[in-house]
N, C-alpha and C. Protein backbone atom coordinates (compact mmCIF):
# COMPACT_ATOMS: atom_id res chain seq x y z
N MET A 1 16.72 8.96 -23.05
CA MET A 1 15.48 9.46 -23.59
C MET A 1 15.58 9.46 -25.12
N ALA A 2 14.65 8.81 -25.69
CA ALA A 2 14.63 8.69 -27.14
C ALA A 2 13.86 9.84 -27.77
N ALA A 3 14.23 10.15 -28.99
CA ALA A 3 13.56 11.23 -29.71
C ALA A 3 12.09 10.93 -29.95
N GLY A 4 11.68 9.66 -29.87
CA GLY A 4 10.29 9.29 -30.09
C GLY A 4 9.42 9.39 -28.85
N ASP A 5 10.02 9.73 -27.70
CA ASP A 5 9.26 9.85 -26.46
C ASP A 5 8.38 11.10 -26.48
N TRP A 6 7.27 11.03 -25.74
CA TRP A 6 6.34 12.14 -25.64
C TRP A 6 6.21 12.59 -24.20
N TYR A 7 5.92 13.86 -24.01
CA TYR A 7 5.82 14.47 -22.68
C TYR A 7 4.58 15.34 -22.60
N TYR A 8 4.10 15.54 -21.37
CA TYR A 8 3.01 16.48 -21.14
C TYR A 8 3.60 17.71 -20.48
N CYS A 9 3.49 18.86 -21.12
CA CYS A 9 4.03 20.11 -20.61
C CYS A 9 3.03 20.75 -19.65
N LEU A 10 3.47 20.97 -18.42
CA LEU A 10 2.62 21.59 -17.41
C LEU A 10 2.45 23.08 -17.63
N ASP A 11 3.40 23.72 -18.30
CA ASP A 11 3.31 25.15 -18.58
C ASP A 11 2.29 25.44 -19.68
N HIS A 12 2.34 24.65 -20.75
CA HIS A 12 1.50 24.90 -21.93
C HIS A 12 0.26 24.03 -21.98
N LYS A 13 0.17 23.05 -21.05
CA LYS A 13 -0.98 22.13 -21.00
C LYS A 13 -1.19 21.42 -22.33
N THR A 14 -0.08 20.91 -22.87
CA THR A 14 -0.13 20.24 -24.16
C THR A 14 0.91 19.12 -24.22
N VAL A 15 0.75 18.24 -25.19
CA VAL A 15 1.69 17.16 -25.45
C VAL A 15 2.82 17.70 -26.32
N GLU A 16 4.05 17.32 -25.95
CA GLU A 16 5.22 17.81 -26.69
C GLU A 16 6.21 16.67 -26.94
N PRO A 17 7.01 16.80 -27.98
CA PRO A 17 8.08 15.83 -28.21
C PRO A 17 9.26 16.11 -27.27
N TYR A 18 10.22 15.24 -27.29
CA TYR A 18 11.41 15.35 -26.44
C TYR A 18 12.10 16.71 -26.57
N GLU A 19 12.15 17.25 -27.75
CA GLU A 19 12.93 18.46 -28.02
C GLU A 19 12.26 19.76 -27.56
N ALA A 20 11.15 19.69 -26.88
CA ALA A 20 10.40 20.90 -26.52
C ALA A 20 10.86 21.48 -25.18
N CYS A 21 9.95 21.79 -24.29
CA CYS A 21 10.23 22.49 -23.03
C CYS A 21 11.20 21.74 -22.12
N LYS A 22 11.71 22.47 -21.12
CA LYS A 22 12.66 21.88 -20.18
C LYS A 22 11.98 20.80 -19.34
N SER A 23 12.75 19.86 -18.89
CA SER A 23 12.19 18.70 -18.21
C SER A 23 11.53 19.02 -16.88
N SER A 24 11.89 20.10 -16.22
CA SER A 24 11.27 20.42 -14.93
C SER A 24 9.83 20.91 -15.10
N SER A 25 9.40 21.17 -16.32
CA SER A 25 8.05 21.66 -16.59
C SER A 25 7.16 20.62 -17.24
N ARG A 26 7.57 19.36 -17.21
CA ARG A 26 6.75 18.37 -17.91
C ARG A 26 6.76 17.01 -17.24
N LEU A 27 5.80 16.19 -17.62
CA LEU A 27 5.67 14.83 -17.14
C LEU A 27 6.04 13.87 -18.27
N GLY A 28 6.69 12.79 -17.93
CA GLY A 28 7.03 11.81 -18.95
C GLY A 28 8.43 11.28 -18.74
N PRO A 29 8.89 10.49 -19.64
CA PRO A 29 8.39 10.25 -20.98
C PRO A 29 7.27 9.21 -21.03
N TYR A 30 6.47 9.30 -22.08
CA TYR A 30 5.42 8.35 -22.38
C TYR A 30 5.71 7.77 -23.74
N PRO A 31 5.35 6.50 -23.96
CA PRO A 31 5.68 5.85 -25.23
C PRO A 31 4.90 6.37 -26.43
N THR A 32 3.70 6.91 -26.18
CA THR A 32 2.89 7.41 -27.30
C THR A 32 2.35 8.80 -26.98
N ARG A 33 1.96 9.48 -28.01
CA ARG A 33 1.36 10.81 -27.85
C ARG A 33 0.06 10.71 -27.04
N GLU A 34 -0.71 9.67 -27.28
CA GLU A 34 -1.97 9.48 -26.56
C GLU A 34 -1.74 9.26 -25.07
N ASP A 35 -0.73 8.46 -24.73
CA ASP A 35 -0.41 8.25 -23.31
C ASP A 35 -0.04 9.58 -22.64
N ALA A 36 0.72 10.39 -23.31
CA ALA A 36 1.11 11.69 -22.76
C ALA A 36 -0.10 12.60 -22.59
N ALA A 37 -1.05 12.50 -23.50
CA ALA A 37 -2.26 13.33 -23.43
C ALA A 37 -3.09 13.00 -22.19
N HIS A 38 -2.94 11.80 -21.66
CA HIS A 38 -3.68 11.37 -20.47
C HIS A 38 -2.83 11.41 -19.21
N ALA A 39 -1.74 12.14 -19.24
CA ALA A 39 -0.81 12.18 -18.11
C ALA A 39 -1.46 12.67 -16.83
N LEU A 40 -2.24 13.71 -16.88
CA LEU A 40 -2.86 14.25 -15.67
C LEU A 40 -3.89 13.29 -15.10
N GLU A 41 -4.57 12.54 -15.95
CA GLU A 41 -5.50 11.53 -15.47
C GLU A 41 -4.76 10.43 -14.72
N LYS A 42 -3.62 10.02 -15.27
CA LYS A 42 -2.81 8.99 -14.62
C LYS A 42 -2.29 9.48 -13.27
N VAL A 43 -1.87 10.72 -13.20
CA VAL A 43 -1.41 11.29 -11.94
C VAL A 43 -2.54 11.27 -10.91
N ALA A 44 -3.74 11.65 -11.31
CA ALA A 44 -4.88 11.66 -10.39
C ALA A 44 -5.20 10.24 -9.91
N GLU A 45 -5.14 9.27 -10.82
CA GLU A 45 -5.39 7.87 -10.43
C GLU A 45 -4.37 7.40 -9.41
N ARG A 46 -3.10 7.69 -9.65
CA ARG A 46 -2.05 7.27 -8.72
C ARG A 46 -2.18 7.96 -7.38
N ASN A 47 -2.50 9.22 -7.39
CA ASN A 47 -2.69 9.94 -6.13
C ASN A 47 -3.82 9.33 -5.32
N GLU A 48 -4.90 8.98 -5.99
CA GLU A 48 -6.04 8.35 -5.31
C GLU A 48 -5.64 7.01 -4.71
N GLU A 49 -4.90 6.22 -5.48
CA GLU A 49 -4.44 4.93 -4.98
C GLU A 49 -3.54 5.10 -3.76
N TRP A 50 -2.62 6.05 -3.83
CA TRP A 50 -1.70 6.27 -2.71
C TRP A 50 -2.43 6.83 -1.49
N ASP A 51 -3.39 7.71 -1.71
CA ASP A 51 -4.15 8.28 -0.59
C ASP A 51 -4.96 7.21 0.14
N ASN A 52 -5.33 6.16 -0.57
CA ASN A 52 -6.15 5.10 0.02
C ASN A 52 -5.40 3.79 0.26
N ASP A 53 -4.08 3.85 0.22
CA ASP A 53 -3.27 2.65 0.44
C ASP A 53 -3.31 2.28 1.92
N PRO A 54 -3.82 1.09 2.26
CA PRO A 54 -3.91 0.70 3.66
C PRO A 54 -2.57 0.49 4.34
N ASN A 55 -1.51 0.36 3.56
CA ASN A 55 -0.18 0.16 4.14
C ASN A 55 0.44 1.46 4.65
N TRP A 56 -0.17 2.60 4.30
CA TRP A 56 0.37 3.89 4.73
C TRP A 56 -0.71 4.62 5.53
N LYS A 57 -0.45 4.79 6.80
CA LYS A 57 -1.39 5.49 7.67
C LYS A 57 -0.65 6.60 8.38
N ASP A 58 -1.08 7.81 8.18
CA ASP A 58 -0.41 8.95 8.81
C ASP A 58 -0.99 9.22 10.17
């Protein structure tokens, strides 16, 4: 993990650098601050894709 990586903190609902909160409370790393700011949107997109994946039928 590089010092230039960015994370989205689930506790504080904010973008943080590598040196901030513990890793169990955040998503990332992301290459840019902007990418980290959209972390929850990306999670929602992936969840939607997985929920509708025809290869997985419960």
